[in-house]
Amino acid sequence: MVTGTEDETGQIRLADETAIRLEPGRYAVWYHLSDVLENPGYLQVTPSQNGSPQLAYGLYARTASPMVTAGGTNFLLVQAGEATVFQLNYNSDVANRSGVASVMVWKLAEFG
């Protein structure tokens, strides 16, 4: 991953090449993936928070022909009581030709 727009507050930042560190708070996370699968097969993307998979918010796509684009978009709210590492884990049973992925994270305002 790379940073498109840096969070000047430091609340949202890359932990490494595959993870986003979120400081305590509430966040809205959107993600999209599009991938060309070389052969009939599936792809799956599972978000995780501190290593705990969030299966209900995953993406799953299956193709019946070779060289077909598979993908999807999903959204979830993350409640981080402490600093949290957010990741998207990719899995597929076939090789991919090319693809694109994007992640957008917004910190939500705290009222009260």
PDB file of N, CA and C in Angstrom:
ATOM      1  N   MET A   1       0.833  -1.180   0.000  1.00  0.00           N
ATOM      2  CA  MET A   1       0.000   0.000   0.000  1.00  0.00           C
ATOM      3  C   MET A   1       0.877   1.242   0.000  1.00  0.00           C
ATOM      4  N   VAL A   2       0.290   2.290  -0.515  1.00  0.00           N
ATOM      5  CA  VAL A   2       0.926   3.601  -0.469  1.00  0.00           C
ATOM      6  C   VAL A   2      -0.118   4.610   0.002  1.00  0.00           C
ATOM      7  N   THR A   3       0.336   5.714   0.536  1.00  0.00           N
ATOM      8  CA  THR A   3      -0.564   6.757   1.020  1.00  0.00           C
ATOM      9  C   THR A   3      -0.903   7.693  -0.123  1.00  0.00           C
ATOM     10  N   GLY A   4      -2.209   7.887  -0.365  1.00  0.00           N
ATOM     11  CA  GLY A   4      -2.653   8.837  -1.380  1.00  0.00           C
ATOM     12  C   GLY A   4      -2.732  10.239  -0.801  1.00  0.00           C
ATOM     13  N   THR A   5      -3.431  10.371   0.319  1.00  0.00           N
ATOM     14  CA  THR A   5      -3.541  11.640   1.038  1.00  0.00           C
ATOM     15  C   THR A   5      -3.199  11.373   2.490  1.00  0.00           C
ATOM     16  N   GLU A   6      -2.173  12.036   2.965  1.00  0.00           N
ATOM     17  CA  GLU A   6      -1.714  11.808   4.336  1.00  0.00           C
ATOM     18  C   GLU A   6      -2.651  12.438   5.357  1.00  0.00           C
ATOM     19  N   ASP A   7      -2.895  11.724   6.444  1.00  0.00           N
ATOM     20  CA  ASP A   7      -3.674  12.243   7.566  1.00  0.00           C
ATOM     21  C   ASP A   7      -2.731  13.093   8.412  1.00  0.00           C
ATOM     22  N   GLU A   8      -2.925  14.392   8.387  1.00  0.00           N
ATOM     23  CA  GLU A   8      -2.033  15.312   9.100  1.00  0.00           C
ATOM     24  C   GLU A   8      -2.090  15.151  10.609  1.00  0.00           C
ATOM     25  N   THR A   9      -3.169  14.544  11.135  1.00  0.00           N
ATOM     26  CA  THR A   9      -3.286  14.352  12.577  1.00  0.00           C
ATOM     27  C   THR A   9      -2.505  13.134  13.055  1.00  0.00           C
ATOM     28  N   GLY A  10      -2.103  12.240  12.139  1.00  0.00           N
ATOM     29  CA  GLY A  10      -1.370  11.031  12.523  1.00  0.00           C
ATOM     30  C   GLY A  10      -2.260   9.922  13.047  1.00  0.00           C
ATOM     31  N   GLN A  11      -3.585  10.103  13.001  1.00  0.00           N
ATOM     32  CA  GLN A  11      -4.510   9.090  13.500  1.00  0.00           C
ATOM     33  C   GLN A  11      -4.609   7.880  12.579  1.00  0.00           C
ATOM     34  N   ILE A  12      -4.344   8.094  11.288  1.00  0.00           N
ATOM     35  CA  ILE A  12      -4.412   7.040  10.271  1.00  0.00           C
ATOM     36  C   ILE A  12      -3.087   7.059   9.525  1.00  0.00           C
ATOM     37  N   ARG A  13      -2.361   5.946   9.568  1.00  0.00           N
ATOM     38  CA  ARG A  13      -1.075   5.905   8.851  1.00  0.00           C
ATOM     39  C   ARG A  13      -0.716   4.466   8.524  1.00  0.00           C
ATOM     40  N   LEU A  14       0.173   4.296   7.574  1.00  0.00           N
ATOM     41  CA  LEU A  14       0.618   2.953   7.223  1.00  0.00           C
ATOM     42  C   LEU A  14       1.483   2.394   8.337  1.00  0.00           C
ATOM     43  N   ALA A  15       1.183   1.156   8.730  1.00  0.00           N
ATOM     44  CA  ALA A  15       2.035   0.456   9.698  1.00  0.00           C
ATOM     45  C   ALA A  15       3.206  -0.181   8.971  1.00  0.00           C
ATOM     46  N   ASP A  16       2.951  -0.669   7.757  1.00  0.00           N
ATOM     47  CA  ASP A  16       3.967  -1.245   6.874  1.00  0.00           C
ATOM     48  C   ASP A  16       3.345  -1.323   5.481  1.00  0.00           C
ATOM     49  N   GLU A  17       3.894  -2.147   4.597  1.00  0.00           N
ATOM     50  CA  GLU A  17       3.398  -2.223   3.220  1.00  0.00           C
ATOM     51  C   GLU A  17       2.031  -2.887   3.099  1.00  0.00           C
ATOM     52  N   THR A  18       1.551  -3.542   4.148  1.00  0.00           N
ATOM     53  CA  THR A  18       0.300  -4.291   4.052  1.00  0.00           C
ATOM     54  C   THR A  18      -0.727  -3.925   5.122  1.00  0.00           C
ATOM     55  N   ALA A  19      -0.429  -2.978   5.990  1.00  0.00           N
ATOM     56  CA  ALA A  19      -1.324  -2.704   7.115  1.00  0.00           C
ATOM     57  C   ALA A  19      -1.450  -1.207   7.382  1.00  0.00           C
ATOM     58  N   ILE A  20      -2.619  -0.846   7.922  1.00  0.00           N
ATOM     59  CA  ILE A  20      -2.909   0.537   8.292  1.00  0.00           C
ATOM     60  C   ILE A  20      -3.073   0.590   9.807  1.00  0.00           C
ATOM     61  N   ARG A  21      -2.397   1.538  10.434  1.00  0.00           N
ATOM     62  CA  ARG A  21      -2.515   1.711  11.881  1.00  0.00           C
ATOM     63  C   ARG A  21      -3.537   2.801  12.156  1.00  0.00           C
ATOM     64  N   LEU A  22      -4.512   2.462  13.004  1.00  0.00           N
ATOM     65  CA  LEU A  22      -5.562   3.393  13.399  1.00  0.00           C
ATOM     66  C   LEU A  22      -5.426   3.667  14.888  1.00  0.00           C
ATOM     67  N   GLU A  23      -5.321   4.925  15.251  1.00  0.00           N
ATOM     68  CA  GLU A  23      -5.280   5.297  16.667  1.00  0.00           C
ATOM     69  C   GLU A  23      -6.694   5.148  17.239  1.00  0.00           C
ATOM     70  N   PRO A  24      -6.856   5.174  18.572  1.00  0.00           N
ATOM     71  CA  PRO A  24      -8.179   4.981  19.159  1.00  0.00           C
ATOM     72  C   PRO A  24      -9.224   5.930  18.563  1.00  0.00           C
ATOM     73  N   GLY A  25     -10.411   5.363  18.286  1.00  0.00           N
ATOM     74  CA  GLY A  25     -11.504   6.138  17.713  1.00  0.00           C
ATOM     75  C   GLY A  25     -12.404   5.273  16.866  1.00  0.00           C
ATOM     76  N   ARG A  26     -13.321   5.938  16.147  1.00  0.00           N
ATOM     77  CA  ARG A  26     -14.237   5.251  15.230  1.00  0.00           C
ATOM     78  C   ARG A  26     -13.884   5.641  13.810  1.00  0.00           C
ATOM     79  N   TYR A  27     -13.909   4.650  12.908  1.00  0.00           N
ATOM     80  CA  TYR A  27     -13.497   4.862  11.533  1.00  0.00           C
ATOM     81  C   TYR A  27     -14.486   4.227  10.566  1.00  0.00           C
ATOM     82  N   ALA A  28     -14.646   4.853   9.411  1.00  0.00           N
ATOM     83  CA  ALA A  28     -15.369   4.277   8.289  1.00  0.00           C
ATOM     84  C   ALA A  28     -14.317   3.841   7.275  1.00  0.00           C
ATOM     85  N   VAL A  29     -14.393   2.589   6.842  1.00  0.00           N
ATOM     86  CA  VAL A  29     -13.404   2.039   5.908  1.00  0.00           C
ATOM     87  C   VAL A  29     -14.128   1.501   4.682  1.00  0.00           C
ATOM     88  N   TRP A  30     -13.753   1.984   3.509  1.00  0.00           N
ATOM     89  CA  TRP A  30     -14.256   1.481   2.237  1.00  0.00           C
ATOM     90  C   TRP A  30     -13.094   0.820   1.512  1.00  0.00           C
ATOM     91  N   TYR A  31     -13.374  -0.274   0.803  1.00  0.00           N
ATOM     92  CA  TYR A  31     -12.326  -0.892  -0.008  1.00  0.00           C
ATOM     93  C   TYR A  31     -12.914  -1.501  -1.266  1.00  0.00           C
ATOM     94  N   HIS A  32     -12.107  -1.508  -2.316  1.00  0.00           N
ATOM     95  CA  HIS A  32     -12.500  -2.020  -3.622  1.00  0.00           C
ATOM     96  C   HIS A  32     -11.347  -2.833  -4.189  1.00  0.00           C
ATOM     97  N   LEU A  33     -11.667  -3.923  -4.863  1.00  0.00           N
ATOM     98  CA  LEU A  33     -10.659  -4.750  -5.526  1.00  0.00           C
ATOM     99  C   LEU A  33     -11.214  -5.203  -6.860  1.00  0.00           C
ATOM    100  N   SER A  34     -10.384  -5.163  -7.878  1.00  0.00           N
ATOM    101  CA  SER A  34     -10.724  -5.674  -9.195  1.00  0.00           C
ATOM    102  C   SER A  34      -9.495  -6.406  -9.709  1.00  0.00           C
ATOM    103  N   ASP A  35      -9.670  -7.652 -10.145  1.00  0.00           N
ATOM    104  CA  ASP A  35      -8.544  -8.502 -10.501  1.00  0.00           C
ATOM    105  C   ASP A  35      -8.916  -9.366 -11.701  1.00  0.00           C
ATOM    106  N   VAL A  36      -8.006  -9.524 -12.655  1.00  0.00           N
ATOM    107  CA  VAL A  36      -8.242 -10.419 -13.793  1.00  0.00           C
ATOM    108  C   VAL A  36      -7.677 -11.790 -13.427  1.00  0.00           C
ATOM    109  N   LEU A  37      -8.558 -12.793 -13.331  1.00  0.00           N
ATOM    110  CA  LEU A  37      -8.134 -14.155 -13.001  1.00  0.00           C
ATOM    111  C   LEU A  37      -7.777 -14.892 -14.285  1.00  0.00           C
ATOM    112  N   GLU A  38      -6.579 -15.496 -14.320  1.00  0.00           N
ATOM    113  CA  GLU A  38      -6.104 -16.162 -15.533  1.00  0.00           C
ATOM    114  C   GLU A  38      -6.930 -17.389 -15.896  1.00  0.00           C
ATOM    115  N   ASN A  39      -7.488 -18.056 -14.917  1.00  0.00           N
ATOM    116  CA  ASN A  39      -8.278 -19.265 -15.132  1.00  0.00           C
ATOM    117  C   ASN A  39      -9.559 -19.172 -14.313  1.00  0.00           C
ATOM    118  N   PRO A  40     -10.551 -20.015 -14.610  1.00  0.00           N
ATOM    119  CA  PRO A  40     -11.752 -20.015 -13.770  1.00  0.00           C
ATOM    120  C   PRO A  40     -11.358 -20.249 -12.311  1.00  0.00           C
ATOM    121  N   GLY A  41     -11.925 -19.492 -11.425  1.00  0.00           N
ATOM    122  CA  GLY A  41     -11.576 -19.629 -10.017  1.00  0.00           C
ATOM    123  C   GLY A  41     -12.233 -18.554  -9.188  1.00  0.00           C
ATOM    124  N   TYR A  42     -11.697 -18.349  -8.003  1.00  0.00           N
ATOM    125  CA  TYR A  42     -12.292 -17.371  -7.092  1.00  0.00           C
ATOM    126  C   TYR A  42     -11.219 -16.466  -6.517  1.00  0.00           C
ATOM    127  N   LEU A  43     -11.680 -15.361  -5.978  1.00  0.00           N
ATOM    128  CA  LEU A  43     -10.832 -14.524  -5.143  1.00  0.00           C
ATOM    129  C   LEU A  43     -11.631 -14.175  -3.910  1.00  0.00           C
ATOM    130  N   GLN A  44     -10.914 -13.960  -2.822  1.00  0.00           N
ATOM    131  CA  GLN A  44     -11.543 -13.602  -1.558  1.00  0.00           C
ATOM    132  C   GLN A  44     -10.666 -12.566  -0.872  1.00  0.00           C
ATOM    133  N   VAL A  45     -11.293 -11.537  -0.328  1.00  0.00           N
ATOM    134  CA  VAL A  45     -10.594 -10.521   0.439  1.00  0.00           C
ATOM    135  C   VAL A  45     -11.284 -10.448   1.798  1.00  0.00           C
ATOM    136  N   THR A  46     -10.498 -10.617   2.858  1.00  0.00           N
ATOM    137  CA  THR A  46     -11.047 -10.595   4.211  1.00  0.00           C
ATOM    138  C   THR A  46     -10.356  -9.499   5.019  1.00  0.00           C
ATOM    139  N   PRO A  47     -11.117  -8.528   5.508  1.00  0.00           N
ATOM    140  CA  PRO A  47     -10.511  -7.519   6.374  1.00  0.00           C
ATOM    141  C   PRO A  47     -10.239  -8.109   7.759  1.00  0.00           C
ATOM    142  N   SER A  48      -9.230  -7.573   8.419  1.00  0.00           N
ATOM    143  CA  SER A  48      -8.965  -8.002   9.790  1.00  0.00           C
ATOM    144  C   SER A  48      -8.570  -6.792  10.628  1.00  0.00           C
ATOM    145  N   GLN A  49      -8.880  -6.905  11.917  1.00  0.00           N
ATOM    146  CA  GLN A  49      -8.549  -5.863  12.886  1.00  0.00           C
ATOM    147  C   GLN A  49      -7.725  -6.530  13.974  1.00  0.00           C
ATOM    148  N   ASN A  50      -6.469  -6.099  14.112  1.00  0.00           N
ATOM    149  CA  ASN A  50      -5.527  -6.710  15.062  1.00  0.00           C
ATOM    150  C   ASN A  50      -5.458  -8.223  14.873  1.00  0.00           C
ATOM    151  N   GLY A  51      -5.477  -8.672  13.619  1.00  0.00           N
ATOM    152  CA  GLY A  51      -5.357 -10.094  13.305  1.00  0.00           C
ATOM    153  C   GLY A  51      -6.643 -10.883  13.399  1.00  0.00           C
ATOM    154  N   SER A  52      -7.736 -10.256  13.807  1.00  0.00           N
ATOM    155  CA  SER A  52      -9.023 -10.942  13.929  1.00  0.00           C
ATOM    156  C   SER A  52      -9.833 -10.735  12.642  1.00  0.00           C
ATOM    157  N   PRO A  53     -10.072 -11.811  11.871  1.00  0.00           N
ATOM    158  CA  PRO A  53     -10.791 -11.660  10.604  1.00  0.00           C
ATOM    159  C   PRO A  53     -12.229 -11.195  10.815  1.00  0.00           C
ATOM    160  N   GLN A  54     -12.683 -10.355   9.914  1.00  0.00           N
ATOM    161  CA  GLN A  54     -14.055  -9.847   9.914  1.00  0.00           C
ATOM    162  C   GLN A  54     -14.761 -10.428   8.683  1.00  0.00           C
ATOM    163  N   LEU A  55     -15.102 -11.723   8.720  1.00  0.00           N
ATOM    164  CA  LEU A  55     -15.628 -12.450   7.557  1.00  0.00           C
ATOM    165  C   LEU A  55     -16.896 -11.818   6.987  1.00  0.00           C
ATOM    166  N   ALA A  56     -17.742 -11.265   7.814  1.00  0.00           N
ATOM    167  CA  ALA A  56     -18.997 -10.683   7.338  1.00  0.00           C
ATOM    168  C   ALA A  56     -18.770  -9.511   6.387  1.00  0.00           C
ATOM    169  N   TYR A  57     -17.585  -8.918   6.414  1.00  0.00           N
ATOM    170  CA  TYR A  57     -17.293  -7.751   5.586  1.00  0.00           C
ATOM    171  C   TYR A  57     -16.341  -8.077   4.440  1.00  0.00           C
ATOM    172  N   GLY A  58     -16.156  -9.347   4.149  1.00  0.00           N
ATOM    173  CA  GLY A  58     -15.250  -9.757   3.089  1.00  0.00           C
ATOM    174  C   GLY A  58     -15.869  -9.626   1.711  1.00  0.00           C
ATOM    175  N   LEU A  59     -15.022  -9.819   0.724  1.00  0.00           N
ATOM    176  CA  LEU A  59     -15.434  -9.866  -0.679  1.00  0.00           C
ATOM    177  C   LEU A  59     -15.192 -11.275  -1.186  1.00  0.00           C
ATOM    178  N   TYR A  60     -16.083 -11.755  -2.043  1.00  0.00           N
ATOM    179  CA  TYR A  60     -15.890 -13.051  -2.684  1.00  0.00           C
ATOM    180  C   TYR A  60     -16.415 -12.944  -4.103  1.00  0.00           C
ATOM    181  N   ALA A  61     -15.631 -13.380  -5.057  1.00  0.00           N
ATOM    182  CA  ALA A  61     -16.060 -13.385  -6.452  1.00  0.00           C
ATOM    183  C   ALA A  61     -15.522 -14.645  -7.120  1.00  0.00           C
ATOM    184  N   ARG A  62     -16.307 -15.204  -8.019  1.00  0.00           N
ATOM    185  CA  ARG A  62     -15.943 -16.434  -8.718  1.00  0.00           C
ATOM    186  C   ARG A  62     -16.161 -16.221 -10.211  1.00  0.00           C
ATOM    187  N   THR A  63     -15.263 -16.777 -11.025  1.00  0.00           N
ATOM    188  CA  THR A  63     -15.397 -16.690 -12.477  1.00  0.00           C
ATOM    189  C   THR A  63     -15.516 -18.099 -13.060  1.00  0.00           C
ATOM    190  N   ALA A  64     -16.198 -18.220 -14.198  1.00  0.00           N
ATOM    191  CA  ALA A  64     -16.376 -19.505 -14.859  1.00  0.00           C
ATOM    192  C   ALA A  64     -15.526 -19.619 -16.115  1.00  0.00           C
ATOM    193  N   SER A  65     -14.885 -18.526 -16.522  1.00  0.00           N
ATOM    194  CA  SER A  65     -14.074 -18.498 -17.738  1.00  0.00           C
ATOM    195  C   SER A  65     -12.707 -17.903 -17.427  1.00  0.00           C
ATOM    196  N   PRO A  66     -11.707 -18.219 -18.258  1.00  0.00           N
ATOM    197  CA  PRO A  66     -10.392 -17.608 -18.047  1.00  0.00           C
ATOM    198  C   PRO A  66     -10.382 -16.138 -18.468  1.00  0.00           C
ATOM    199  N   MET A  67      -9.452 -15.389 -17.903  1.00  0.00           N
ATOM    200  CA  MET A  67      -9.206 -13.985 -18.234  1.00  0.00           C
ATOM    201  C   MET A  67     -10.451 -13.118 -18.024  1.00  0.00           C
ATOM    202  N   VAL A  68     -11.140 -13.345 -16.918  1.00  0.00           N
ATOM    203  CA  VAL A  68     -12.324 -12.579 -16.558  1.00  0.00           C
ATOM    204  C   VAL A  68     -12.012 -11.752 -15.313  1.00  0.00           C
ATOM    205  N   THR A  69     -12.549 -10.552 -15.262  1.00  0.00           N
ATOM    206  CA  THR A  69     -12.359  -9.682 -14.102  1.00  0.00           C
ATOM    207  C   THR A  69     -13.312 -10.082 -12.985  1.00  0.00           C
ATOM    208  N   ALA A  70     -12.768 -10.186 -11.795  1.00  0.00           N
ATOM    209  CA  ALA A  70     -13.562 -10.463 -10.601  1.00  0.00           C
ATOM    210  C   ALA A  70     -13.233  -9.390  -9.581  1.00  0.00           C
ATOM    211  N   GLY A  71     -14.159  -9.118  -8.691  1.00  0.00           N
ATOM    212  CA  GLY A  71     -13.869  -8.128  -7.665  1.00  0.00           C
ATOM    213  C   GLY A  71     -15.114  -7.693  -6.937  1.00  0.00           C
ATOM    214  N   GLY A  72     -14.980  -6.613  -6.201  1.00  0.00           N
ATOM    215  CA  GLY A  72     -16.103  -6.094  -5.444  1.00  0.00           C
ATOM    216  C   GLY A  72     -15.692  -4.917  -4.587  1.00  0.00           C
ATOM    217  N   THR A  73     -16.691  -4.390  -3.877  1.00  0.00           N
ATOM    218  CA  THR A  73     -16.512  -3.252  -2.990  1.00  0.00           C
ATOM    219  C   THR A  73     -17.241  -3.547  -1.690  1.00  0.00           C
ATOM    220  N   ASN A  74     -16.681  -3.118  -0.578  1.00  0.00           N
ATOM    221  CA  ASN A  74     -17.362  -3.285   0.693  1.00  0.00           C
ATOM    222  C   ASN A  74     -16.987  -2.141   1.630  1.00  0.00           C
ATOM    223  N   PHE A  75     -17.665  -2.102   2.758  1.00  0.00           N
ATOM    224  CA  PHE A  75     -17.568  -1.004   3.710  1.00  0.00           C
ATOM    225  C   PHE A  75     -17.750  -1.570   5.108  1.00  0.00           C
ATOM    226  N   LEU A  76     -17.048  -1.028   6.084  1.00  0.00           N
ATOM    227  CA  LEU A  76     -17.302  -1.392   7.470  1.00  0.00           C
ATOM    228  C   LEU A  76     -16.925  -0.248   8.393  1.00  0.00           C
ATOM    229  N   LEU A  77     -17.496  -0.283   9.583  1.00  0.00           N
ATOM    230  CA  LEU A  77     -17.139   0.654  10.637  1.00  0.00           C
ATOM    231  C   LEU A  77     -16.208  -0.058  11.599  1.00  0.00           C
ATOM    232  N   VAL A  78     -15.154   0.616  12.000  1.00  0.00           N
ATOM    233  CA  VAL A  78     -14.173   0.054  12.928  1.00  0.00           C
ATOM    234  C   VAL A  78     -14.194   0.873  14.206  1.00  0.00           C
ATOM    235  N   GLN A  79     -14.400   0.204  15.324  1.00  0.00           N
ATOM    236  CA  GLN A  79     -14.308   0.841  16.637  1.00  0.00           C
ATOM    237  C   GLN A  79     -12.974   0.414  17.232  1.00  0.00           C
ATOM    238  N   ALA A  80     -12.074   1.352  17.413  1.00  0.00           N
ATOM    239  CA  ALA A  80     -10.751   1.060  17.945  1.00  0.00           C
ATOM    240  C   ALA A  80     -10.647   1.642  19.350  1.00  0.00           C
ATOM    241  N   GLY A  81     -10.722   0.789  20.361  1.00  0.00           N
ATOM    242  CA  GLY A  81     -10.578   1.231  21.740  1.00  0.00           C
ATOM    243  C   GLY A  81      -9.139   1.527  22.089  1.00  0.00           C
ATOM    244  N   GLU A  82      -8.249   0.939  21.321  1.00  0.00           N
ATOM    245  CA  GLU A  82      -6.802   1.164  21.450  1.00  0.00           C
ATOM    246  C   GLU A  82      -6.232   1.167  20.051  1.00  0.00           C
ATOM    247  N   ALA A  83      -4.954   1.477  19.901  1.00  0.00           N
ATOM    248  CA  ALA A  83      -4.334   1.470  18.577  1.00  0.00           C
ATOM    249  C   ALA A  83      -4.597   0.126  17.920  1.00  0.00           C
ATOM    250  N   THR A  84      -5.010   0.154  16.656  1.00  0.00           N
ATOM    251  CA  THR A  84      -5.456  -1.029  15.930  1.00  0.00           C
ATOM    252  C   THR A  84      -4.732  -1.128  14.600  1.00  0.00           C
ATOM    253  N   VAL A  85      -4.419  -2.354  14.201  1.00  0.00           N
ATOM    254  CA  VAL A  85      -3.847  -2.606  12.877  1.00  0.00           C
ATOM    255  C   VAL A  85      -4.946  -3.192  12.004  1.00  0.00           C
ATOM    256  N   PHE A  86      -5.230  -2.526  10.877  1.00  0.00           N
ATOM    257  CA  PHE A  86      -6.250  -2.961   9.925  1.00  0.00           C
ATOM    258  C   PHE A  86      -5.552  -3.491   8.684  1.00  0.00           C
ATOM    259  N   GLN A  87      -5.983  -4.678   8.215  1.00  0.00           N
ATOM    260  CA  GLN A  87      -5.404  -5.284   7.014  1.00  0.00           C
ATOM    261  C   GLN A  87      -6.501  -5.861   6.143  1.00  0.00           C
ATOM    262  N   LEU A  88      -6.216  -5.971   4.860  1.00  0.00           N
ATOM    263  CA  LEU A  88      -7.047  -6.707   3.922  1.00  0.00           C
ATOM    264  C   LEU A  88      -6.230  -7.905   3.458  1.00  0.00           C
ATOM    265  N   ASN A  89      -6.742  -9.104   3.662  1.00  0.00           N
ATOM    266  CA  ASN A  89      -6.037 -10.337   3.305  1.00  0.00           C
ATOM    267  C   ASN A  89      -6.643 -10.917   2.038  1.00  0.00           C
ATOM    268  N   TYR A  90      -5.799 -11.142   1.024  1.00  0.00           N
ATOM    269  CA  TYR A  90      -6.218 -11.627  -0.295  1.00  0.00           C
ATOM    270  C   TYR A  90      -5.944 -13.116  -0.411  1.00  0.00           C
ATOM    271  N   ASN A  91      -6.892 -13.850  -0.992  1.00  0.00           N
ATOM    272  CA  ASN A  91      -6.739 -15.275  -1.220  1.00  0.00           C
ATOM    273  C   ASN A  91      -7.386 -15.616  -2.559  1.00  0.00           C
ATOM    274  N   SER A  92      -6.744 -16.501  -3.330  1.00  0.00           N
ATOM    275  CA  SER A  92      -7.305 -16.960  -4.597  1.00  0.00           C
ATOM    276  C   SER A  92      -6.760 -18.344  -4.902  1.00  0.00           C
ATOM    277  N   ASP A  93      -7.540 -19.129  -5.642  1.00  0.00           N
ATOM    278  CA  ASP A  93      -7.080 -20.463  -6.020  1.00  0.00           C
ATOM    279  C   ASP A  93      -6.423 -20.476  -7.399  1.00  0.00           C
ATOM    280  N   VAL A  94      -6.342 -19.314  -8.070  1.00  0.00           N
ATOM    281  CA  VAL A  94      -5.722 -19.214  -9.387  1.00  0.00           C
ATOM    282  C   VAL A  94      -4.833 -17.973  -9.444  1.00  0.00           C
ATOM    283  N   ALA A  95      -3.948 -17.958 -10.428  1.00  0.00           N
ATOM    284  CA  ALA A  95      -3.077 -16.797 -10.625  1.00  0.00           C
ATOM    285  C   ALA A  95      -3.881 -15.636 -11.195  1.00  0.00           C
ATOM    286  N   ASN A  96      -3.424 -14.428 -10.910  1.00  0.00           N
ATOM    287  CA  ASN A  96      -4.085 -13.258 -11.475  1.00  0.00           C
ATOM    288  C   ASN A  96      -3.161 -12.572 -12.463  1.00  0.00           C
ATOM    289  N   ARG A  97      -3.762 -11.923 -13.445  1.00  0.00           N
ATOM    290  CA  ARG A  97      -3.003 -11.237 -14.495  1.00  0.00           C
ATOM    291  C   ARG A  97      -2.660  -9.816 -14.064  1.00  0.00           C
ATOM    292  N   SER A  98      -3.639  -9.109 -13.601  1.00  0.00           N
ATOM    293  CA  SER A  98      -3.438  -7.732 -13.154  1.00  0.00           C
ATOM    294  C   SER A  98      -4.617  -7.347 -12.273  1.00  0.00           C
ATOM    295  N   GLY A  99      -4.442  -6.290 -11.526  1.00  0.00           N
ATOM    296  CA  GLY A  99      -5.536  -5.886 -10.662  1.00  0.00           C
ATOM    297  C   GLY A  99      -5.302  -4.511 -10.078  1.00  0.00           C
ATOM    298  N   VAL A 100      -6.317  -4.053  -9.375  1.00  0.00           N
ATOM    299  CA  VAL A 100      -6.245  -2.766  -8.717  1.00  0.00           C
ATOM    300  C   VAL A 100      -7.019  -2.869  -7.406  1.00  0.00           C
ATOM    301  N   ALA A 101      -6.532  -2.184  -6.418  1.00  0.00           N
ATOM    302  CA  ALA A 101      -7.221  -2.152  -5.130  1.00  0.00           C
ATOM    303  C   ALA A 101      -7.108  -0.743  -4.563  1.00  0.00           C
ATOM    304  N   SER A 102      -8.149  -0.340  -3.852  1.00  0.00           N
ATOM    305  CA  SER A 102      -8.094   0.952  -3.179  1.00  0.00           C
ATOM    306  C   SER A 102      -8.773   0.830  -1.828  1.00  0.00           C
ATOM    307  N   VAL A 103      -8.260   1.604  -0.881  1.00  0.00           N
ATOM    308  CA  VAL A 103      -8.795   1.629   0.483  1.00  0.00           C
ATOM    309  C   VAL A 103      -8.933   3.090   0.886  1.00  0.00           C
ATOM    310  N   MET A 104     -10.076   3.421   1.466  1.00  0.00           N
ATOM    311  CA  MET A 104     -10.290   4.772   1.964  1.00  0.00           C
ATOM    312  C   MET A 104     -10.723   4.670   3.425  1.00  0.00           C
ATOM    313  N   VAL A 105     -10.031   5.392   4.298  1.00  0.00           N
ATOM    314  CA  VAL A 105     -10.329   5.370   5.731  1.00  0.00           C
ATOM    315  C   VAL A 105     -10.616   6.793   6.187  1.00  0.00           C
ATOM    316  N   TRP A 106     -11.763   6.963   6.845  1.00  0.00           N
ATOM    317  CA  TRP A 106     -12.137   8.258   7.412  1.00  0.00           C
ATOM    318  C   TRP A 106     -12.334   8.098   8.899  1.00  0.00           C
ATOM    319  N   LYS A 107     -11.750   9.003   9.673  1.00  0.00           N
ATOM    320  CA  LYS A 107     -12.016   9.009  11.119  1.00  0.00           C
ATOM    321  C   LYS A 107     -13.334   9.741  11.323  1.00  0.00           C
ATOM    322  N   LEU A 108     -14.207   9.156  12.133  1.00  0.00           N
ATOM    323  CA  LEU A 108     -15.505   9.738  12.398  1.00  0.00           C
ATOM    324  C   LEU A 108     -15.437  10.661  13.615  1.00  0.00           C
ATOM    325  N   ALA A 109     -16.214  11.722  13.580  1.00  0.00           N
ATOM    326  CA  ALA A 109     -16.239  12.694  14.678  1.00  0.00           C
ATOM    327  C   ALA A 109     -16.800  12.036  15.936  1.00  0.00           C
ATOM    328  N   GLU A 110     -16.258  12.423  17.074  1.00  0.00           N
ATOM    329  CA  GLU A 110     -16.732  11.946  18.365  1.00  0.00           C
ATOM    330  C   GLU A 110     -17.558  13.057  18.995  1.00  0.00           C
ATOM    331  N   PHE A 111     -18.788  12.741  19.377  1.00  0.00           N
ATOM    332  CA  PHE A 111     -19.666  13.722  20.012  1.00  0.00           C
ATOM    333  C   PHE A 111     -19.943  13.285  21.441  1.00  0.00           C
ATOM    334  N   GLY A 112     -20.117  14.242  22.307  1.00  0.00           N
ATOM    335  CA  GLY A 112     -20.520  13.892  23.651  1.00  0.00           C
ATOM    336  C   GLY A 112     -19.677  14.400  24.718  1.00  0.00           C
TER     337      GLY A 112
END
